[in-house]
N, C-alpha and C. Protein backbone atom coordinates (compact mmCIF):
# COMPACT_ATOMS: atom_id res chain seq x y z
N UNK A 1 -9.61 -1.66 22.14
CA UNK A 1 -8.37 -0.95 21.87
C UNK A 1 -7.20 -1.75 22.46
N UNK A 2 -6.11 -1.84 21.73
CA UNK A 2 -4.93 -2.57 22.17
C UNK A 2 -4.03 -1.63 22.96
N UNK A 3 -3.58 -2.10 24.10
CA UNK A 3 -2.66 -1.33 24.92
C UNK A 3 -1.23 -1.61 24.45
N UNK A 4 -0.60 -0.66 23.80
CA UNK A 4 0.73 -0.86 23.23
C UNK A 4 1.83 -0.84 24.29
N UNK A 5 1.49 -0.52 25.53
CA UNK A 5 2.50 -0.48 26.58
C UNK A 5 2.55 -1.78 27.38
N UNK A 6 1.75 -2.77 26.99
CA UNK A 6 1.75 -4.04 27.71
C UNK A 6 3.12 -4.69 27.60
N UNK A 7 3.57 -5.29 28.69
CA UNK A 7 4.82 -6.03 28.67
C UNK A 7 4.60 -7.33 27.94
N UNK A 8 5.39 -7.55 26.89
CA UNK A 8 5.29 -8.81 26.16
C UNK A 8 6.43 -9.71 26.56
N UNK A 9 6.14 -11.00 26.61
CA UNK A 9 7.14 -12.00 27.00
C UNK A 9 7.14 -13.10 25.95
N UNK A 10 8.25 -13.83 25.91
CA UNK A 10 8.41 -14.89 24.92
C UNK A 10 8.54 -16.24 25.62
N UNK A 11 7.75 -17.19 25.19
CA UNK A 11 7.85 -18.57 25.68
C UNK A 11 9.18 -19.12 25.16
N UNK A 12 10.11 -19.50 26.05
CA UNK A 12 11.43 -19.95 25.60
C UNK A 12 11.42 -21.28 24.84
N UNK A 13 10.32 -22.01 24.89
CA UNK A 13 10.25 -23.31 24.20
C UNK A 13 9.67 -23.15 22.79
N UNK A 14 8.47 -22.59 22.67
CA UNK A 14 7.84 -22.50 21.36
C UNK A 14 8.09 -21.16 20.66
N UNK A 15 8.55 -20.16 21.42
CA UNK A 15 8.85 -18.86 20.83
C UNK A 15 7.66 -17.92 20.72
N UNK A 16 6.49 -18.32 21.20
CA UNK A 16 5.32 -17.46 21.12
C UNK A 16 5.52 -16.21 21.97
N UNK A 17 5.13 -15.07 21.43
CA UNK A 17 5.23 -13.80 22.15
C UNK A 17 3.81 -13.30 22.41
N UNK A 18 3.55 -13.00 23.68
CA UNK A 18 2.23 -12.52 24.10
C UNK A 18 2.41 -11.53 25.24
N UNK A 19 1.39 -10.72 25.51
CA UNK A 19 1.43 -9.90 26.73
C UNK A 19 1.57 -10.81 27.95
N UNK A 20 2.34 -10.36 28.89
CA UNK A 20 2.63 -11.16 30.09
C UNK A 20 1.36 -11.66 30.78
N UNK A 21 0.33 -10.83 30.83
CA UNK A 21 -0.89 -11.25 31.53
C UNK A 21 -1.69 -12.30 30.78
N UNK A 22 -1.33 -12.61 29.54
CA UNK A 22 -2.00 -13.67 28.79
C UNK A 22 -1.29 -15.02 28.92
N UNK A 23 -0.06 -15.01 29.42
CA UNK A 23 0.67 -16.25 29.65
C UNK A 23 0.24 -16.77 31.02
N UNK A 24 -0.42 -17.90 31.02
CA UNK A 24 -1.03 -18.41 32.25
C UNK A 24 -0.05 -19.17 33.15
N UNK A 25 1.08 -19.58 32.60
CA UNK A 25 2.00 -20.45 33.34
C UNK A 25 3.35 -19.77 33.42
N UNK A 26 3.95 -19.79 34.60
CA UNK A 26 5.31 -19.26 34.72
C UNK A 26 6.11 -20.08 35.72
N UNK A 27 7.42 -19.98 35.57
CA UNK A 27 8.35 -20.73 36.41
C UNK A 27 9.50 -19.79 36.75
N UNK A 28 9.97 -19.85 37.98
CA UNK A 28 11.17 -19.11 38.36
C UNK A 28 12.34 -20.08 38.32
N UNK A 29 13.34 -19.73 37.52
CA UNK A 29 14.54 -20.55 37.38
C UNK A 29 15.74 -19.63 37.54
N UNK A 30 16.57 -19.91 38.52
CA UNK A 30 17.75 -19.08 38.82
C UNK A 30 17.38 -17.61 38.95
N UNK A 31 16.32 -17.35 39.72
CA UNK A 31 15.84 -16.00 40.04
C UNK A 31 15.29 -15.22 38.85
N UNK A 32 15.00 -15.90 37.74
CA UNK A 32 14.39 -15.26 36.57
C UNK A 32 13.05 -15.94 36.31
N UNK A 33 12.01 -15.14 36.04
CA UNK A 33 10.70 -15.70 35.74
C UNK A 33 10.58 -15.92 34.23
N UNK A 34 10.19 -17.14 33.85
CA UNK A 34 9.95 -17.50 32.45
C UNK A 34 8.48 -17.80 32.30
N UNK A 35 7.91 -17.41 31.17
CA UNK A 35 6.49 -17.54 30.92
C UNK A 35 6.24 -18.54 29.79
N UNK A 36 5.15 -19.30 29.92
CA UNK A 36 4.84 -20.37 28.97
C UNK A 36 3.38 -20.30 28.55
N UNK A 37 3.13 -20.68 27.30
CA UNK A 37 1.76 -20.67 26.79
C UNK A 37 1.07 -22.01 27.02
N UNK A 38 1.83 -23.03 27.44
CA UNK A 38 1.20 -24.32 27.71
C UNK A 38 1.96 -25.08 28.80
N UNK A 39 1.26 -25.99 29.43
CA UNK A 39 1.86 -26.85 30.44
C UNK A 39 2.95 -27.72 29.82
N UNK A 40 2.73 -28.15 28.57
CA UNK A 40 3.72 -28.98 27.87
C UNK A 40 5.04 -28.23 27.69
N UNK A 41 4.94 -26.95 27.30
CA UNK A 41 6.17 -26.15 27.14
C UNK A 41 6.89 -26.01 28.47
N UNK A 42 6.13 -25.76 29.53
CA UNK A 42 6.74 -25.63 30.86
C UNK A 42 7.46 -26.92 31.23
N UNK A 43 6.83 -28.06 31.01
CA UNK A 43 7.45 -29.34 31.36
C UNK A 43 8.70 -29.62 30.52
N UNK A 44 8.66 -29.26 29.25
CA UNK A 44 9.85 -29.44 28.40
C UNK A 44 10.99 -28.57 28.92
N UNK A 45 10.68 -27.33 29.28
CA UNK A 45 11.68 -26.42 29.82
C UNK A 45 12.29 -26.99 31.10
N UNK A 46 11.43 -27.44 32.02
CA UNK A 46 11.92 -27.93 33.30
C UNK A 46 12.75 -29.21 33.18
N UNK A 47 12.53 -29.97 32.11
CA UNK A 47 13.31 -31.20 31.92
C UNK A 47 14.76 -30.89 31.56
N UNK A 48 15.02 -29.71 30.98
CA UNK A 48 16.39 -29.34 30.59
C UNK A 48 16.46 -27.83 30.34
N UNK A 49 16.40 -27.01 31.38
CA UNK A 49 16.36 -25.56 31.20
C UNK A 49 17.55 -25.01 30.40
N UNK A 50 18.73 -25.53 30.63
CA UNK A 50 19.91 -24.99 29.94
C UNK A 50 19.80 -25.14 28.43
N UNK A 51 19.21 -26.22 27.98
CA UNK A 51 19.01 -26.43 26.55
C UNK A 51 18.16 -25.31 25.96
N UNK A 52 17.05 -25.01 26.62
CA UNK A 52 16.13 -24.00 26.09
C UNK A 52 16.68 -22.60 26.24
N UNK A 53 17.45 -22.35 27.28
CA UNK A 53 18.01 -21.00 27.46
C UNK A 53 19.12 -20.71 26.45
N UNK A 54 19.83 -21.73 26.01
CA UNK A 54 20.85 -21.53 24.98
C UNK A 54 20.22 -21.17 23.63
N UNK A 55 18.99 -21.59 23.40
CA UNK A 55 18.31 -21.34 22.12
C UNK A 55 17.73 -19.94 22.04
N UNK A 56 17.73 -19.20 23.12
CA UNK A 56 17.09 -17.87 23.15
C UNK A 56 17.73 -16.93 22.22
């Protein structure tokens, strides 16, 4: 059974949306936690966070 109350989050790089507990990687940037589906997405984000945050 799917829990419809799960908090879903969006990877700011690839746009994938998943329940927060399925995103294995996260980063805190300017006191906000961002979630990623891959190490590559996290590294792309960290190389230029402002670029990815403007695309949200």
